[in-house]
Amino acid sequence: MKKILIVDDEPNIVMSLEYTFKKQNYQVFIARDGQEALDLVKTVFPDLIILDVMMPLVDGYATLEQIRKDPNLRRTKVIFLSAKNKESDIEKGLALGADCYLTKPFSIKKVVDQVAELLK
């Protein structure tokens, strides 16, 4: 069973993504901020991380920088899902090593399709 880590501080987004991916037989883990995510990835080793940029404690960019330094997480796919939608924000996310950058508001179907594409 593929493991997905959802990292977002917005409860409604977390709930809708968690529900959707559990229905599709993914094992889902939740972190509410970047620090919680960094603690969790060391034990969970997710196949894919859906990562918000603007979060308390450690933002998504800094979180991804730390994840990309860990050789055990080299194969982990990362999708940024953020309200930061300027070209410079997207370029920064991809330059840090994200596999994809989707902007909020988002379509659940688009997120599901992108996850399926990255995990096939």
PDB file of N, CA and C in Angstrom:
ATOM      1  N   MET A   1       0.844  -1.181   0.000  1.00  0.00           N
ATOM      2  CA  MET A   1       0.000   0.000   0.000  1.00  0.00           C
ATOM      3  C   MET A   1       0.891   1.247   0.000  1.00  0.00           C
ATOM      4  N   LYS A   2       0.628   2.143  -0.938  1.00  0.00           N
ATOM      5  CA  LYS A   2       1.409   3.379  -1.042  1.00  0.00           C
ATOM      6  C   LYS A   2       1.064   4.330   0.104  1.00  0.00           C
ATOM      7  N   LYS A   3       2.091   5.032   0.583  1.00  0.00           N
ATOM      8  CA  LYS A   3       1.918   5.944   1.717  1.00  0.00           C
ATOM      9  C   LYS A   3       1.997   7.399   1.247  1.00  0.00           C
ATOM     10  N   ILE A   4       1.001   8.181   1.669  1.00  0.00           N
ATOM     11  CA  ILE A   4       0.948   9.603   1.343  1.00  0.00           C
ATOM     12  C   ILE A   4       0.966  10.404   2.638  1.00  0.00           C
ATOM     13  N   LEU A   5       1.808  11.424   2.672  1.00  0.00           N
ATOM     14  CA  LEU A   5       1.835  12.350   3.793  1.00  0.00           C
ATOM     15  C   LEU A   5       1.244  13.674   3.318  1.00  0.00           C
ATOM     16  N   ILE A   6       0.195  14.128   4.001  1.00  0.00           N
ATOM     17  CA  ILE A   6      -0.429  15.411   3.685  1.00  0.00           C
ATOM     18  C   ILE A   6       0.036  16.416   4.738  1.00  0.00           C
ATOM     19  N   VAL A   7       0.678  17.482   4.272  1.00  0.00           N
ATOM     20  CA  VAL A   7       1.213  18.490   5.188  1.00  0.00           C
ATOM     21  C   VAL A   7       0.532  19.820   4.893  1.00  0.00           C
ATOM     22  N   ASP A   8      -0.421  20.189   5.769  1.00  0.00           N
ATOM     23  CA  ASP A   8      -1.173  21.427   5.564  1.00  0.00           C
ATOM     24  C   ASP A   8      -1.780  21.822   6.900  1.00  0.00           C
ATOM     25  N   ASP A   9      -1.877  23.122   7.159  1.00  0.00           N
ATOM     26  CA  ASP A   9      -2.457  23.590   8.420  1.00  0.00           C
ATOM     27  C   ASP A   9      -3.932  23.966   8.275  1.00  0.00           C
ATOM     28  N   GLU A  10      -4.507  23.728   7.112  1.00  0.00           N
ATOM     29  CA  GLU A  10      -5.919  24.056   6.861  1.00  0.00           C
ATOM     30  C   GLU A  10      -6.766  22.789   7.007  1.00  0.00           C
ATOM     31  N   PRO A  11      -7.543  22.662   8.103  1.00  0.00           N
ATOM     32  CA  PRO A  11      -8.281  21.411   8.385  1.00  0.00           C
ATOM     33  C   PRO A  11      -9.184  20.932   7.256  1.00  0.00           C
ATOM     34  N   ASN A  12      -9.877  21.842   6.562  1.00  0.00           N
ATOM     35  CA  ASN A  12     -10.794  21.404   5.496  1.00  0.00           C
ATOM     36  C   ASN A  12     -10.046  20.757   4.332  1.00  0.00           C
ATOM     37  N   ILE A  13      -8.893  21.286   4.011  1.00  0.00           N
ATOM     38  CA  ILE A  13      -8.085  20.703   2.931  1.00  0.00           C
ATOM     39  C   ILE A  13      -7.582  19.329   3.355  1.00  0.00           C
ATOM     40  N   VAL A  14      -7.075  19.252   4.575  1.00  0.00           N
ATOM     41  CA  VAL A  14      -6.569  17.973   5.093  1.00  0.00           C
ATOM     42  C   VAL A  14      -7.672  16.920   5.077  1.00  0.00           C
ATOM     43  N   MET A  15      -8.856  17.293   5.573  1.00  0.00           N
ATOM     44  CA  MET A  15      -9.959  16.323   5.641  1.00  0.00           C
ATOM     45  C   MET A  15     -10.371  15.818   4.267  1.00  0.00           C
ATOM     46  N   SER A  16     -10.508  16.733   3.298  1.00  0.00           N
ATOM     47  CA  SER A  16     -10.970  16.302   1.977  1.00  0.00           C
ATOM     48  C   SER A  16      -9.915  15.431   1.285  1.00  0.00           C
ATOM     49  N   LEU A  17      -8.644  15.794   1.401  1.00  0.00           N
ATOM     50  CA  LEU A  17      -7.590  14.978   0.785  1.00  0.00           C
ATOM     51  C   LEU A  17      -7.456  13.627   1.487  1.00  0.00           C
ATOM     52  N   GLU A  18      -7.505  13.640   2.816  1.00  0.00           N
ATOM     53  CA  GLU A  18      -7.384  12.390   3.569  1.00  0.00           C
ATOM     54  C   GLU A  18      -8.507  11.424   3.188  1.00  0.00           C
ATOM     55  N   TYR A  19      -9.728  11.922   3.164  1.00  0.00           N
ATOM     56  CA  TYR A  19     -10.886  11.102   2.813  1.00  0.00           C
ATOM     57  C   TYR A  19     -10.719  10.522   1.403  1.00  0.00           C
ATOM     58  N   THR A  20     -10.355  11.374   0.464  1.00  0.00           N
ATOM     59  CA  THR A  20     -10.221  10.952  -0.934  1.00  0.00           C
ATOM     60  C   THR A  20      -9.172   9.864  -1.093  1.00  0.00           C
ATOM     61  N   PHE A  21      -8.008  10.061  -0.498  1.00  0.00           N
ATOM     62  CA  PHE A  21      -6.926   9.092  -0.696  1.00  0.00           C
ATOM     63  C   PHE A  21      -7.130   7.798   0.090  1.00  0.00           C
ATOM     64  N   LYS A  22      -7.781   7.884   1.257  1.00  0.00           N
ATOM     65  CA  LYS A  22      -8.087   6.650   1.994  1.00  0.00           C
ATOM     66  C   LYS A  22      -9.078   5.799   1.199  1.00  0.00           C
ATOM     67  N   LYS A  23     -10.042   6.474   0.544  1.00  0.00           N
ATOM     68  CA  LYS A  23     -11.010   5.755  -0.278  1.00  0.00           C
ATOM     69  C   LYS A  23     -10.327   5.016  -1.431  1.00  0.00           C
ATOM     70  N   GLN A  24      -9.192   5.533  -1.862  1.00  0.00           N
ATOM     71  CA  GLN A  24      -8.460   4.921  -2.975  1.00  0.00           C
ATOM     72  C   GLN A  24      -7.361   3.978  -2.496  1.00  0.00           C
ATOM     73  N   ASN A  25      -7.467   3.563  -1.232  1.00  0.00           N
ATOM     74  CA  ASN A  25      -6.556   2.577  -0.649  1.00  0.00           C
ATOM     75  C   ASN A  25      -5.111   3.033  -0.508  1.00  0.00           C
ATOM     76  N   TYR A  26      -4.932   4.307  -0.237  1.00  0.00           N
ATOM     77  CA  TYR A  26      -3.610   4.792   0.149  1.00  0.00           C
ATOM     78  C   TYR A  26      -3.571   4.817   1.675  1.00  0.00           C
ATOM     79  N   GLN A  27      -2.381   4.624   2.229  1.00  0.00           N
ATOM     80  CA  GLN A  27      -2.194   4.811   3.661  1.00  0.00           C
ATOM     81  C   GLN A  27      -1.865   6.300   3.834  1.00  0.00           C
ATOM     82  N   VAL A  28      -2.659   7.012   4.640  1.00  0.00           N
ATOM     83  CA  VAL A  28      -2.535   8.469   4.727  1.00  0.00           C
ATOM     84  C   VAL A  28      -2.029   8.891   6.107  1.00  0.00           C
ATOM     85  N   PHE A  29      -1.044   9.782   6.098  1.00  0.00           N
ATOM     86  CA  PHE A  29      -0.509  10.367   7.319  1.00  0.00           C
ATOM     87  C   PHE A  29      -0.697  11.876   7.219  1.00  0.00           C
ATOM     88  N   ILE A  30      -0.858  12.529   8.378  1.00  0.00           N
ATOM     89  CA  ILE A  30      -1.141  13.964   8.407  1.00  0.00           C
ATOM     90  C   ILE A  30      -0.103  14.673   9.265  1.00  0.00           C
ATOM     91  N   ALA A  31       0.357  15.823   8.765  1.00  0.00           N
ATOM     92  CA  ALA A  31       1.176  16.735   9.568  1.00  0.00           C
ATOM     93  C   ALA A  31       0.589  18.127   9.390  1.00  0.00           C
ATOM     94  N   ARG A  32       0.553  18.902  10.465  1.00  0.00           N
ATOM     95  CA  ARG A  32      -0.082  20.230  10.425  1.00  0.00           C
ATOM     96  C   ARG A  32       0.931  21.354  10.186  1.00  0.00           C
ATOM     97  N   ASP A  33       2.217  21.013  10.220  1.00  0.00           N
ATOM     98  CA  ASP A  33       3.244  22.022   9.944  1.00  0.00           C
ATOM     99  C   ASP A  33       4.524  21.302   9.490  1.00  0.00           C
ATOM    100  N   GLY A  34       5.472  22.099   9.040  1.00  0.00           N
ATOM    101  CA  GLY A  34       6.702  21.527   8.495  1.00  0.00           C
ATOM    102  C   GLY A  34       7.509  20.731   9.505  1.00  0.00           C
ATOM    103  N   GLN A  35       7.552  21.197  10.756  1.00  0.00           N
ATOM    104  CA  GLN A  35       8.326  20.469  11.762  1.00  0.00           C
ATOM    105  C   GLN A  35       7.724  19.097  12.025  1.00  0.00           C
ATOM    106  N   GLU A  36       6.409  19.048  12.132  1.00  0.00           N
ATOM    107  CA  GLU A  36       5.721  17.767  12.343  1.00  0.00           C
ATOM    108  C   GLU A  36       5.997  16.831  11.162  1.00  0.00           C
ATOM    109  N   ALA A  37       6.003  17.396   9.963  1.00  0.00           N
ATOM    110  CA  ALA A  37       6.288  16.595   8.767  1.00  0.00           C
ATOM    111  C   ALA A  37       7.706  16.032   8.811  1.00  0.00           C
ATOM    112  N   LEU A  38       8.669  16.869   9.190  1.00  0.00           N
ATOM    113  CA  LEU A  38      10.069  16.420   9.241  1.00  0.00           C
ATOM    114  C   LEU A  38      10.258  15.312  10.276  1.00  0.00           C
ATOM    115  N   ASP A  39       9.519  15.394  11.385  1.00  0.00           N
ATOM    116  CA  ASP A  39       9.593  14.332  12.394  1.00  0.00           C
ATOM    117  C   ASP A  39       8.972  13.043  11.863  1.00  0.00           C
ATOM    118  N   LEU A  40       7.864  13.174  11.152  1.00  0.00           N
ATOM    119  CA  LEU A  40       7.113  12.016  10.667  1.00  0.00           C
ATOM    120  C   LEU A  40       7.828  11.274   9.534  1.00  0.00           C
ATOM    121  N   VAL A  41       8.461  12.000   8.616  1.00  0.00           N
ATOM    122  CA  VAL A  41       9.071  11.333   7.458  1.00  0.00           C
ATOM    123  C   VAL A  41      10.191  10.374   7.864  1.00  0.00           C
ATOM    124  N   LYS A  42      10.800  10.617   9.026  1.00  0.00           N
ATOM    125  CA  LYS A  42      11.900   9.767   9.488  1.00  0.00           C
ATOM    126  C   LYS A  42      11.430   8.369   9.879  1.00  0.00           C
ATOM    127  N   THR A  43      10.144   8.229  10.193  1.00  0.00           N
ATOM    128  CA  THR A  43       9.630   6.924  10.594  1.00  0.00           C
ATOM    129  C   THR A  43       8.668   6.331   9.562  1.00  0.00           C
ATOM    130  N   VAL A  44       8.003   7.197   8.805  1.00  0.00           N
ATOM    131  CA  VAL A  44       6.970   6.738   7.874  1.00  0.00           C
ATOM    132  C   VAL A  44       7.528   6.446   6.479  1.00  0.00           C
ATOM    133  N   PHE A  45       8.511   7.221   6.032  1.00  0.00           N
ATOM    134  CA  PHE A  45       9.071   7.120   4.675  1.00  0.00           C
ATOM    135  C   PHE A  45       7.965   7.056   3.615  1.00  0.00           C
ATOM    136  N   PRO A  46       7.215   8.172   3.467  1.00  0.00           N
ATOM    137  CA  PRO A  46       6.102   8.169   2.511  1.00  0.00           C
ATOM    138  C   PRO A  46       6.581   8.049   1.063  1.00  0.00           C
ATOM    139  N   ASP A  47       5.704   7.521   0.218  1.00  0.00           N
ATOM    140  CA  ASP A  47       5.993   7.450  -1.221  1.00  0.00           C
ATOM    141  C   ASP A  47       5.787   8.820  -1.861  1.00  0.00           C
ATOM    142  N   LEU A  48       4.862   9.601  -1.265  1.00  0.00           N
ATOM    143  CA  LEU A  48       4.542  10.903  -1.824  1.00  0.00           C
ATOM    144  C   LEU A  48       4.120  11.849  -0.703  1.00  0.00           C
ATOM    145  N   ILE A  49       4.522  13.117  -0.838  1.00  0.00           N
ATOM    146  CA  ILE A  49       4.152  14.143   0.131  1.00  0.00           C
ATOM    147  C   ILE A  49       3.403  15.253  -0.605  1.00  0.00           C
ATOM    148  N   ILE A  50       2.236  15.612  -0.070  1.00  0.00           N
ATOM    149  CA  ILE A  50       1.504  16.781  -0.556  1.00  0.00           C
ATOM    150  C   ILE A  50       1.790  17.877   0.463  1.00  0.00           C
ATOM    151  N   LEU A  51       2.427  18.947  -0.003  1.00  0.00           N
ATOM    152  CA  LEU A  51       3.036  19.917   0.911  1.00  0.00           C
ATOM    153  C   LEU A  51       2.550  21.348   0.647  1.00  0.00           C
ATOM    154  N   ASP A  52       2.022  21.963   1.692  1.00  0.00           N
ATOM    155  CA  ASP A  52       1.638  23.379   1.617  1.00  0.00           C
ATOM    156  C   ASP A  52       2.909  24.218   1.785  1.00  0.00           C
ATOM    157  N   VAL A  53       2.892  25.458   1.321  1.00  0.00           N
ATOM    158  CA  VAL A  53       4.051  26.338   1.496  1.00  0.00           C
ATOM    159  C   VAL A  53       3.915  27.152   2.777  1.00  0.00           C
ATOM    160  N   MET A  54       2.787  27.834   2.942  1.00  0.00           N
ATOM    161  CA  MET A  54       2.617  28.729   4.093  1.00  0.00           C
ATOM    162  C   MET A  54       2.047  27.972   5.286  1.00  0.00           C
ATOM    163  N   MET A  55       2.931  27.675   6.258  1.00  0.00           N
ATOM    164  CA  MET A  55       2.540  26.935   7.457  1.00  0.00           C
ATOM    165  C   MET A  55       3.301  27.495   8.655  1.00  0.00           C
ATOM    166  N   PRO A  56       2.783  27.226   9.864  1.00  0.00           N
ATOM    167  CA  PRO A  56       3.510  27.671  11.061  1.00  0.00           C
ATOM    168  C   PRO A  56       4.811  26.877  11.254  1.00  0.00           C
ATOM    169  N   LEU A  57       5.688  27.405  12.069  1.00  0.00           N
ATOM    170  CA  LEU A  57       6.977  26.812  12.458  1.00  0.00           C
ATOM    171  C   LEU A  57       7.958  26.717  11.291  1.00  0.00           C
ATOM    172  N   VAL A  58       7.767  25.735  10.429  1.00  0.00           N
ATOM    173  CA  VAL A  58       8.673  25.557   9.284  1.00  0.00           C
ATOM    174  C   VAL A  58       7.831  25.590   8.016  1.00  0.00           C
ATOM    175  N   ASP A  59       8.142  26.504   7.092  1.00  0.00           N
ATOM    176  CA  ASP A  59       7.325  26.572   5.874  1.00  0.00           C
ATOM    177  C   ASP A  59       7.645  25.414   4.921  1.00  0.00           C
ATOM    178  N   GLY A  60       6.840  25.307   3.880  1.00  0.00           N
ATOM    179  CA  GLY A  60       6.982  24.192   2.946  1.00  0.00           C
ATOM    180  C   GLY A  60       8.312  24.183   2.215  1.00  0.00           C
ATOM    181  N   TYR A  61       8.821  25.363   1.868  1.00  0.00           N
ATOM    182  CA  TYR A  61      10.108  25.424   1.161  1.00  0.00           C
ATOM    183  C   TYR A  61      11.227  24.850   2.033  1.00  0.00           C
ATOM    184  N   ALA A  62      11.290  25.301   3.293  1.00  0.00           N
ATOM    185  CA  ALA A  62      12.331  24.817   4.212  1.00  0.00           C
ATOM    186  C   ALA A  62      12.153  23.324   4.499  1.00  0.00           C
ATOM    187  N   THR A  63      10.896  22.897   4.580  1.00  0.00           N
ATOM    188  CA  THR A  63      10.608  21.472   4.809  1.00  0.00           C
ATOM    189  C   THR A  63      11.159  20.639   3.655  1.00  0.00           C
ATOM    190  N   LEU A  64      10.887  21.078   2.429  1.00  0.00           N
ATOM    191  CA  LEU A  64      11.366  20.329   1.263  1.00  0.00           C
ATOM    192  C   LEU A  64      12.898  20.315   1.205  1.00  0.00           C
ATOM    193  N   GLU A  65      13.523  21.424   1.551  1.00  0.00           N
ATOM    194  CA  GLU A  65      14.996  21.458   1.554  1.00  0.00           C
ATOM    195  C   GLU A  65      15.556  20.372   2.474  1.00  0.00           C
ATOM    196  N   GLN A  66      14.952  20.224   3.651  1.00  0.00           N
ATOM    197  CA  GLN A  66      15.414  19.200   4.601  1.00  0.00           C
ATOM    198  C   GLN A  66      15.138  17.794   4.065  1.00  0.00           C
ATOM    199  N   ILE A  67      13.974  17.597   3.487  1.00  0.00           N
ATOM    200  CA  ILE A  67      13.597  16.280   2.946  1.00  0.00           C
ATOM    201  C   ILE A  67      14.580  15.869   1.846  1.00  0.00           C
ATOM    202  N   ARG A  68      14.934  16.799   0.988  1.00  0.00           N
ATOM    203  CA  ARG A  68      15.826  16.484  -0.134  1.00  0.00           C
ATOM    204  C   ARG A  68      17.255  16.197   0.310  1.00  0.00           C
ATOM    205  N   LYS A  69      17.608  16.561   1.532  1.00  0.00           N
ATOM    206  CA  LYS A  69      18.952  16.261   2.058  1.00  0.00           C
ATOM    207  C   LYS A  69      19.046  14.836   2.603  1.00  0.00           C
ATOM    208  N   ASP A  70      17.897  14.189   2.810  1.00  0.00           N
ATOM    209  CA  ASP A  70      17.864  12.854   3.415  1.00  0.00           C
ATOM    210  C   ASP A  70      17.928  11.775   2.338  1.00  0.00           C
ATOM    211  N   PRO A  71      19.023  10.996   2.317  1.00  0.00           N
ATOM    212  CA  PRO A  71      19.152   9.958   1.276  1.00  0.00           C
ATOM    213  C   PRO A  71      18.030   8.913   1.316  1.00  0.00           C
ATOM    214  N   ASN A  72      17.427   8.697   2.492  1.00  0.00           N
ATOM    215  CA  ASN A  72      16.331   7.727   2.602  1.00  0.00           C
ATOM    216  C   ASN A  72      15.047   8.221   1.938  1.00  0.00           C
ATOM    217  N   LEU A  73      14.998   9.512   1.646  1.00  0.00           N
ATOM    218  CA  LEU A  73      13.786  10.085   1.061  1.00  0.00           C
ATOM    219  C   LEU A  73      14.011  10.525  -0.380  1.00  0.00           C
ATOM    220  N   ARG A  74      15.107  10.080  -0.965  1.00  0.00           N
ATOM    221  CA  ARG A  74      15.474  10.521  -2.311  1.00  0.00           C
ATOM    222  C   ARG A  74      14.390  10.200  -3.336  1.00  0.00           C
ATOM    223  N   ARG A  75      13.729   9.059  -3.183  1.00  0.00           N
ATOM    224  CA  ARG A  75      12.709   8.647  -4.160  1.00  0.00           C
ATOM    225  C   ARG A  75      11.313   9.189  -3.846  1.00  0.00           C
ATOM    226  N   THR A  76      11.164   9.855  -2.713  1.00  0.00           N
ATOM    227  CA  THR A  76       9.856  10.390  -2.321  1.00  0.00           C
ATOM    228  C   THR A  76       9.438  11.507  -3.270  1.00  0.00           C
ATOM    229  N   LYS A  77       8.244  11.378  -3.814  1.00  0.00           N
ATOM    230  CA  LYS A  77       7.692  12.402  -4.708  1.00  0.00           C
ATOM    231  C   LYS A  77       7.063  13.504  -3.855  1.00  0.00           C
ATOM    232  N   VAL A  78       7.177  14.748  -4.318  1.00  0.00           N
ATOM    233  CA  VAL A  78       6.613  15.865  -3.563  1.00  0.00           C
ATOM    234  C   VAL A  78       5.787  16.748  -4.498  1.00  0.00           C
ATOM    235  N   ILE A  79       4.554  17.022  -4.052  1.00  0.00           N
ATOM    236  CA  ILE A  79       3.669  17.944  -4.759  1.00  0.00           C
ATOM    237  C   ILE A  79       3.431  19.136  -3.844  1.00  0.00           C
ATOM    238  N   PHE A  80       3.803  20.323  -4.296  1.00  0.00           N
ATOM    239  CA  PHE A  80       3.408  21.524  -3.560  1.00  0.00           C
ATOM    240  C   PHE A  80       1.960  21.823  -3.898  1.00  0.00           C
ATOM    241  N   LEU A  81       1.184  22.141  -2.867  1.00  0.00           N
ATOM    242  CA  LEU A  81      -0.209  22.532  -3.039  1.00  0.00           C
ATOM    243  C   LEU A  81      -0.355  23.825  -2.252  1.00  0.00           C
ATOM    244  N   SER A  82      -0.354  24.957  -2.944  1.00  0.00           N
ATOM    245  CA  SER A  82      -0.219  26.227  -2.245  1.00  0.00           C
ATOM    246  C   SER A  82      -1.047  27.346  -2.870  1.00  0.00           C
ATOM    247  N   ALA A  83      -1.428  28.306  -2.019  1.00  0.00           N
ATOM    248  CA  ALA A  83      -2.096  29.515  -2.504  1.00  0.00           C
ATOM    249  C   ALA A  83      -1.080  30.482  -3.115  1.00  0.00           C
ATOM    250  N   LYS A  84       0.209  30.246  -2.854  1.00  0.00           N
ATOM    251  CA  LYS A  84       1.251  31.091  -3.451  1.00  0.00           C
ATOM    252  C   LYS A  84       1.355  30.706  -4.920  1.00  0.00           C
ATOM    253  N   ASN A  85       0.822  31.591  -5.787  1.00  0.00           N
ATOM    254  CA  ASN A  85       0.681  31.194  -7.188  1.00  0.00           C
ATOM    255  C   ASN A  85       1.445  32.092  -8.156  1.00  0.00           C
ATOM    256  N   LYS A  86       2.348  32.932  -7.637  1.00  0.00           N
ATOM    257  CA  LYS A  86       3.157  33.740  -8.541  1.00  0.00           C
ATOM    258  C   LYS A  86       4.184  32.848  -9.223  1.00  0.00           C
ATOM    259  N   GLU A  87       4.575  33.234 -10.407  1.00  0.00           N
ATOM    260  CA  GLU A  87       5.557  32.445 -11.168  1.00  0.00           C
ATOM    261  C   GLU A  87       6.823  32.210 -10.341  1.00  0.00           C
ATOM    262  N   SER A  88       7.259  33.224  -9.595  1.00  0.00           N
ATOM    263  CA  SER A  88       8.480  33.089  -8.789  1.00  0.00           C
ATOM    264  C   SER A  88       8.308  32.054  -7.673  1.00  0.00           C
ATOM    265  N   ASP A  89       7.102  31.972  -7.087  1.00  0.00           N
ATOM    266  CA  ASP A  89       6.828  30.968  -6.047  1.00  0.00           C
ATOM    267  C   ASP A  89       6.915  29.560  -6.634  1.00  0.00           C
ATOM    268  N   ILE A  90       6.292  29.392  -7.789  1.00  0.00           N
ATOM    269  CA  ILE A  90       6.266  28.085  -8.455  1.00  0.00           C
ATOM    270  C   ILE A  90       7.687  27.678  -8.856  1.00  0.00           C
ATOM    271  N   GLU A  91       8.425  28.612  -9.438  1.00  0.00           N
ATOM    272  CA  GLU A  91       9.811  28.322  -9.842  1.00  0.00           C
ATOM    273  C   GLU A  91      10.662  27.940  -8.641  1.00  0.00           C
ATOM    274  N   LYS A  92      10.472  28.642  -7.520  1.00  0.00           N
ATOM    275  CA  LYS A  92      11.243  28.331  -6.309  1.00  0.00           C
ATOM    276  C   LYS A  92      10.930  26.906  -5.833  1.00  0.00           C
ATOM    277  N   GLY A  93       9.648  26.555  -5.809  1.00  0.00           N
ATOM    278  CA  GLY A  93       9.241  25.218  -5.373  1.00  0.00           C
ATOM    279  C   GLY A  93       9.839  24.121  -6.237  1.00  0.00           C
ATOM    280  N   LEU A  94       9.807  24.318  -7.529  1.00  0.00           N
ATOM    281  CA  LEU A  94      10.355  23.313  -8.448  1.00  0.00           C
ATOM    282  C   LEU A  94      11.882  23.271  -8.352  1.00  0.00           C
ATOM    283  N   ALA A  95      12.505  24.440  -8.165  1.00  0.00           N
ATOM    284  CA  ALA A  95      13.964  24.490  -8.044  1.00  0.00           C
ATOM    285  C   ALA A  95      14.449  23.760  -6.783  1.00  0.00           C
ATOM    286  N   LEU A  96      13.619  23.769  -5.736  1.00  0.00           N
ATOM    287  CA  LEU A  96      13.988  23.084  -4.495  1.00  0.00           C
ATOM    288  C   LEU A  96      13.811  21.566  -4.596  1.00  0.00           C
ATOM    289  N   GLY A  97      13.180  21.116  -5.677  1.00  0.00           N
ATOM    290  CA  GLY A  97      13.075  19.675  -5.872  1.00  0.00           C
ATOM    291  C   GLY A  97      11.673  19.102  -5.856  1.00  0.00           C
ATOM    292  N   ALA A  98      10.657  19.963  -5.893  1.00  0.00           N
ATOM    293  CA  ALA A  98       9.290  19.443  -5.978  1.00  0.00           C
ATOM    294  C   ALA A  98       9.077  18.803  -7.346  1.00  0.00           C
ATOM    295  N   ASP A  99       8.270  17.751  -7.377  1.00  0.00           N
ATOM    296  CA  ASP A  99       7.969  17.074  -8.641  1.00  0.00           C
ATOM    297  C   ASP A  99       6.833  17.775  -9.380  1.00  0.00           C
ATOM    298  N   CYS A 100       6.065  18.576  -8.639  1.00  0.00           N
ATOM    299  CA  CYS A 100       4.890  19.215  -9.206  1.00  0.00           C
ATOM    300  C   CYS A 100       4.482  20.357  -8.287  1.00  0.00           C
ATOM    301  N   TYR A 101       3.854  21.392  -8.850  1.00  0.00           N
ATOM    302  CA  TYR A 101       3.387  22.523  -8.047  1.00  0.00           C
ATOM    303  C   TYR A 101       1.965  22.845  -8.494  1.00  0.00           C
ATOM    304  N   LEU A 102       1.006  22.586  -7.616  1.00  0.00           N
ATOM    305  CA  LEU A 102      -0.397  22.882  -7.904  1.00  0.00           C
ATOM    306  C   LEU A 102      -0.829  24.048  -7.034  1.00  0.00           C
ATOM    307  N   THR A 103      -1.710  24.906  -7.555  1.00  0.00           N
ATOM    308  CA  THR A 103      -2.129  26.077  -6.802  1.00  0.00           C
ATOM    309  C   THR A 103      -3.551  25.926  -6.266  1.00  0.00           C
ATOM    310  N   LYS A 104      -3.785  26.545  -5.109  1.00  0.00           N
ATOM    311  CA  LYS A 104      -5.118  26.610  -4.507  1.00  0.00           C
ATOM    312  C   LYS A 104      -5.821  27.842  -5.066  1.00  0.00           C
ATOM    313  N   PRO A 105      -7.142  27.814  -5.234  1.00  0.00           N
ATOM    314  CA  PRO A 105      -8.010  26.647  -5.020  1.00  0.00           C
ATOM    315  C   PRO A 105      -7.700  25.557  -6.050  1.00  0.00           C
ATOM    316  N   PHE A 106      -7.940  24.326  -5.681  1.00  0.00           N
ATOM    317  CA  PHE A 106      -7.556  23.209  -6.540  1.00  0.00           C
ATOM    318  C   PHE A 106      -8.722  22.258  -6.747  1.00  0.00           C
ATOM    319  N   SER A 107      -8.603  21.459  -7.762  1.00  0.00           N
ATOM    320  CA  SER A 107      -9.592  20.416  -8.010  1.00  0.00           C
ATOM    321  C   SER A 107      -9.042  19.106  -7.432  1.00  0.00           C
ATOM    322  N   ILE A 108      -9.866  18.437  -6.627  1.00  0.00           N
ATOM    323  CA  ILE A 108      -9.450  17.154  -6.036  1.00  0.00           C
ATOM    324  C   ILE A 108      -9.048  16.187  -7.149  1.00  0.00           C
ATOM    325  N   LYS A 109      -9.822  16.189  -8.235  1.00  0.00           N
ATOM    326  CA  LYS A 109      -9.515  15.275  -9.344  1.00  0.00           C
ATOM    327  C   LYS A 109      -8.117  15.533  -9.894  1.00  0.00           C
ATOM    328  N   LYS A 110      -7.754  16.787 -10.018  1.00  0.00           N
ATOM    329  CA  LYS A 110      -6.430  17.124 -10.544  1.00  0.00           C
ATOM    330  C   LYS A 110      -5.320  16.618  -9.605  1.00  0.00           C
ATOM    331  N   VAL A 111      -5.541  16.770  -8.304  1.00  0.00           N
ATOM    332  CA  VAL A 111      -4.563  16.285  -7.323  1.00  0.00           C
ATOM    333  C   VAL A 111      -4.464  14.763  -7.401  1.00  0.00           C
ATOM    334  N   VAL A 112      -5.611  14.093  -7.442  1.00  0.00           N
ATOM    335  CA  VAL A 112      -5.640  12.627  -7.523  1.00  0.00           C
ATOM    336  C   VAL A 112      -4.925  12.143  -8.789  1.00  0.00           C
ATOM    337  N   ASP A 113      -5.201  12.797  -9.918  1.00  0.00           N
ATOM    338  CA  ASP A 113      -4.565  12.412 -11.178  1.00  0.00           C
ATOM    339  C   ASP A 113      -3.051  12.607 -11.107  1.00  0.00           C
ATOM    340  N   GLN A 114      -2.619  13.705 -10.500  1.00  0.00           N
ATOM    341  CA  GLN A 114      -1.189  13.985 -10.402  1.00  0.00           C
ATOM    342  C   GLN A 114      -0.495  12.973  -9.488  1.00  0.00           C
ATOM    343  N   VAL A 115      -1.137  12.611  -8.384  1.00  0.00           N
ATOM    344  CA  VAL A 115      -0.596  11.597  -7.467  1.00  0.00           C
ATOM    345  C   VAL A 115      -0.453  10.267  -8.207  1.00  0.00           C
ATOM    346  N   ALA A 116      -1.502   9.874  -8.920  1.00  0.00           N
ATOM    347  CA  ALA A 116      -1.478   8.606  -9.642  1.00  0.00           C
ATOM    348  C   ALA A 116      -0.339   8.609 -10.680  1.00  0.00           C
ATOM    349  N   GLU A 117      -0.179   9.718 -11.369  1.00  0.00           N
ATOM    350  CA  GLU A 117       0.872   9.852 -12.381  1.00  0.00           C
ATOM    351  C   GLU A 117       2.280   9.709 -11.758  1.00  0.00           C
ATOM    352  N   LEU A 118       2.497  10.372 -10.620  1.00  0.00           N
ATOM    353  CA  LEU A 118       3.818  10.342  -9.987  1.00  0.00           C
ATOM    354  C   LEU A 118       4.131   8.988  -9.346  1.00  0.00           C
ATOM    355  N   LEU A 119       3.101   8.277  -8.944  1.00  0.00           N
ATOM    356  CA  LEU A 119       3.330   6.996  -8.233  1.00  0.00           C
ATOM    357  C   LEU A 119       3.264   5.765  -9.126  1.00  0.00           C
ATOM    358  N   LYS A 120       2.999   5.953 -10.423  1.00  0.00           N
ATOM    359  CA  LYS A 120       2.885   4.755 -11.273  1.00  0.00           C
ATOM    360  C   LYS A 120       4.236   4.154 -11.604  1.00  0.00           C
TER     361      LYS A 120
END
